C-alpha atoms as a PDB file:
ATOM      1  CA  UNK A   1       7.144  -9.550   9.844  1.00  0.00           C
ATOM      2  CA  UNK A   2       4.072 -10.451   7.891  1.00  0.00           C
ATOM      3  CA  UNK A   3       2.278  -7.122   7.445  1.00  0.00           C
ATOM      4  CA  UNK A   4       2.715  -3.414   8.170  1.00  0.00           C
ATOM      5  CA  UNK A   5      -0.015  -0.855   8.665  1.00  0.00           C
ATOM      6  CA  UNK A   6       0.667   2.408   6.871  1.00  0.00           C
ATOM      7  CA  UNK A   7      -2.473   4.168   8.061  1.00  0.00           C
ATOM      8  CA  UNK A   8      -5.502   3.303  10.160  1.00  0.00           C
ATOM      9  CA  UNK A   9      -8.374   5.547  11.242  1.00  0.00           C
ATOM     10  CA  UNK A  10     -11.711   4.782  12.849  1.00  0.00           C
ATOM     11  CA  UNK A  11     -14.379   7.429  13.339  1.00  0.00           C
ATOM     12  CA  UNK A  12     -18.178   7.100  13.529  1.00  0.00           C
ATOM     13  CA  UNK A  13     -18.555   8.061   9.854  1.00  0.00           C
ATOM     14  CA  UNK A  14     -15.448   6.420   8.339  1.00  0.00           C
ATOM     15  CA  UNK A  15     -12.917   3.628   8.755  1.00  0.00           C
ATOM     16  CA  UNK A  16      -9.692   3.687   6.720  1.00  0.00           C
ATOM     17  CA  UNK A  17      -7.049   0.967   6.546  1.00  0.00           C
ATOM     18  CA  UNK A  18      -3.892   0.767   4.401  1.00  0.00           C
ATOM     19  CA  UNK A  19      -1.496  -2.164   4.733  1.00  0.00           C
ATOM     20  CA  UNK A  20       1.506  -3.604   2.920  1.00  0.00           C
ATOM     21  CA  UNK A  21       2.520  -7.255   2.887  1.00  0.00           C
ATOM     22  CA  UNK A  22       3.901 -10.073   0.775  1.00  0.00           C
ATOM     23  CA  UNK A  23       1.170 -12.420  -0.461  1.00  0.00           C
ATOM     24  CA  UNK A  24       1.360 -16.160  -1.117  1.00  0.00           C
ATOM     25  CA  UNK A  25       2.655 -15.486  -4.657  1.00  0.00           C
ATOM     26  CA  UNK A  26       5.617 -13.501  -3.231  1.00  0.00           C
ATOM     27  CA  UNK A  27       4.179 -10.269  -4.621  1.00  0.00           C
ATOM     28  CA  UNK A  28       4.296  -7.073  -2.610  1.00  0.00           C
ATOM     29  CA  UNK A  29       0.687  -6.083  -2.046  1.00  0.00           C
ATOM     30  CA  UNK A  30      -0.729  -2.718  -0.948  1.00  0.00           C
ATOM     31  CA  UNK A  31      -4.245  -3.229   0.387  1.00  0.00           C
ATOM     32  CA  UNK A  32      -6.439  -0.247   1.191  1.00  0.00           C
ATOM     33  CA  UNK A  33     -10.076   0.373   1.952  1.00  0.00           C
ATOM     34  CA  UNK A  34     -12.327   3.156   3.182  1.00  0.00           C
ATOM     35  CA  UNK A  35     -15.737   2.315   4.633  1.00  0.00           C
ATOM     36  CA  UNK A  36     -18.526   4.477   6.028  1.00  0.00           C
ATOM     37  CA  UNK A  37     -20.994   7.284   5.497  1.00  0.00           C
ATOM     38  CA  UNK A  38     -18.296   9.761   4.433  1.00  0.00           C
ATOM     39  CA  UNK A  39     -17.232   7.338   1.705  1.00  0.00           C
ATOM     40  CA  UNK A  40     -20.810   6.998   0.501  1.00  0.00           C
ATOM     41  CA  UNK A  41     -21.121  10.782   0.263  1.00  0.00           C
ATOM     42  CA  UNK A  42     -17.933  10.979  -1.819  1.00  0.00           C
ATOM     43  CA  UNK A  43     -18.212   7.827  -3.962  1.00  0.00           C
ATOM     44  CA  UNK A  44     -21.887   6.855  -3.917  1.00  0.00           C
ATOM     45  CA  UNK A  45     -21.192   3.569  -2.119  1.00  0.00           C
ATOM     46  CA  UNK A  46     -20.265   2.789   1.481  1.00  0.00           C
ATOM     47  CA  UNK A  47     -16.900   1.241   0.636  1.00  0.00           C
ATOM     48  CA  UNK A  48     -13.932   2.061  -1.553  1.00  0.00           C
ATOM     49  CA  UNK A  49     -11.175  -0.497  -2.100  1.00  0.00           C
ATOM     50  CA  UNK A  50      -7.803   0.105  -3.736  1.00  0.00           C
ATOM     51  CA  UNK A  51      -4.606  -1.877  -4.181  1.00  0.00           C
ATOM     52  CA  UNK A  52      -1.225  -2.180  -5.837  1.00  0.00           C
ATOM     53  CA  UNK A  53       0.402  -5.466  -6.772  1.00  0.00           C
ATOM     54  CA  UNK A  54       4.139  -5.492  -7.402  1.00  0.00           C
ATOM     55  CA  UNK A  55       5.744  -8.610  -8.874  1.00  0.00           C
ATOM     56  CA  UNK A  56       8.832 -10.015  -7.150  1.00  0.00           C
ATOM     57  CA  UNK A  57      11.149  -8.943 -10.015  1.00  0.00           C
ATOM     58  CA  UNK A  58      10.026  -5.347  -9.517  1.00  0.00           C
ATOM     59  CA  UNK A  59      10.317  -5.617  -5.726  1.00  0.00           C
ATOM     60  CA  UNK A  60      14.063  -6.117  -6.256  1.00  0.00           C
ATOM     61  CA  UNK A  61      14.251  -2.431  -7.254  1.00  0.00           C
ATOM     62  CA  UNK A  62      13.099  -1.445  -3.754  1.00  0.00           C
ATOM     63  CA  UNK A  63      16.003  -3.291  -2.123  1.00  0.00           C
ATOM     64  CA  UNK A  64      18.424  -1.185  -4.166  1.00  0.00           C
ATOM     65  CA  UNK A  65      16.528   2.058  -3.532  1.00  0.00           C
ATOM     66  CA  UNK A  66      16.534   1.524   0.230  1.00  0.00           C
ATOM     67  CA  UNK A  67      20.037  -0.002   0.295  1.00  0.00           C
ATOM     68  CA  UNK A  68      18.783  -3.293   1.716  1.00  0.00           C
ATOM     69  CA  UNK A  69      20.038  -6.811   1.196  1.00  0.00           C
ATOM     70  CA  UNK A  70      18.059  -8.509  -1.565  1.00  0.00           C
ATOM     71  CA  UNK A  71      15.291 -10.622  -0.068  1.00  0.00           C
ATOM     72  CA  UNK A  72      15.127  -8.736   3.260  1.00  0.00           C
ATOM     73  CA  UNK A  73      11.332  -8.567   3.258  1.00  0.00           C
ATOM     74  CA  UNK A  74      11.019  -7.439   6.881  1.00  0.00           C
ATOM     75  CA  UNK A  75      13.554  -4.677   6.345  1.00  0.00           C
ATOM     76  CA  UNK A  76      11.759  -3.576   3.195  1.00  0.00           C
ATOM     77  CA  UNK A  77       8.353  -3.499   4.876  1.00  0.00           C
ATOM     78  CA  UNK A  78       9.802  -1.404   7.710  1.00  0.00           C
ATOM     79  CA  UNK A  79      11.480   1.005   5.262  1.00  0.00           C
ATOM     80  CA  UNK A  80       8.239   1.420   3.333  1.00  0.00           C
ATOM     81  CA  UNK A  81       6.270   1.892   6.556  1.00  0.00           C
ATOM     82  CA  UNK A  82       8.711   4.569   7.691  1.00  0.00           C
ATOM     83  CA  UNK A  83       8.458   6.417   4.367  1.00  0.00           C
ATOM     84  CA  UNK A  84       4.729   6.090   3.622  1.00  0.00           C
ATOM     85  CA  UNK A  85       2.866   6.083   6.956  1.00  0.00           C
ATOM     86  CA  UNK A  86       0.238   8.732   6.278  1.00  0.00           C
ATOM     87  CA  UNK A  87      -3.338   9.165   5.159  1.00  0.00           C
ATOM     88  CA  UNK A  88      -1.990   9.754   1.628  1.00  0.00           C
ATOM     89  CA  UNK A  89       0.023   6.517   1.521  1.00  0.00           C
ATOM     90  CA  UNK A  90      -1.707   5.152  -1.593  1.00  0.00           C
ATOM     91  CA  UNK A  91      -1.006   8.249  -3.709  1.00  0.00           C
ATOM     92  CA  UNK A  92       2.485   8.795  -2.318  1.00  0.00           C
ATOM     93  CA  UNK A  93       3.472   5.166  -2.864  1.00  0.00           C
ATOM     94  CA  UNK A  94       2.145   5.229  -6.442  1.00  0.00           C
ATOM     95  CA  UNK A  95       4.042   8.453  -7.193  1.00  0.00           C
ATOM     96  CA  UNK A  96       7.200   6.951  -5.683  1.00  0.00           C
ATOM     97  CA  UNK A  97       6.922   3.817  -7.816  1.00  0.00           C
ATOM     98  CA  UNK A  98       6.366   5.901 -10.955  1.00  0.00           C
ATOM     99  CA  UNK A  99       9.379   8.113 -10.180  1.00  0.00           C
ATOM    100  CA  UNK A 100      11.554   5.018  -9.658  1.00  0.00           C
ATOM    101  CA  UNK A 101      10.257   3.104 -12.686  1.00  0.00           C
ATOM    102  CA  UNK A 102       8.750   0.300 -10.609  1.00  0.00           C
ATOM    103  CA  UNK A 103       6.130  -1.531 -12.664  1.00  0.00           C
ATOM    104  CA  UNK A 104       2.935  -2.414 -10.783  1.00  0.00           C
ATOM    105  CA  UNK A 105      -0.720  -3.130 -11.354  1.00  0.00           C
ATOM    106  CA  UNK A 106      -3.414  -1.177  -9.593  1.00  0.00           C
ATOM    107  CA  UNK A 107      -7.036  -1.794  -8.789  1.00  0.00           C
ATOM    108  CA  UNK A 108      -9.790   0.323  -7.299  1.00  0.00           C
ATOM    109  CA  UNK A 109     -13.463  -0.301  -6.728  1.00  0.00           C
ATOM    110  CA  UNK A 110     -16.275   1.697  -5.213  1.00  0.00           C
END
């Protein structure tokens, strides 16, 4: 499994996509973006991008939390998809990482 979609929505005024995957540096990466007229009304620009990057050492904490074998990336992606598949995935995932002392970097741009 290369990538999981946590949330996807397409309407005439907005498109939202939130995905989780492991990048080429073996980091867990949350990639989200909102595009459209609704985004422009809220943020002053037609697109809003946001992400989390979790280093592999920190990803190890997720295996323990979800009782998975260390290195089971597919199992981890499925567990995260099951837990965070909603339109609030970005906020919920960030809150979850904070509550479980998972260190991450975040980025947002509008």
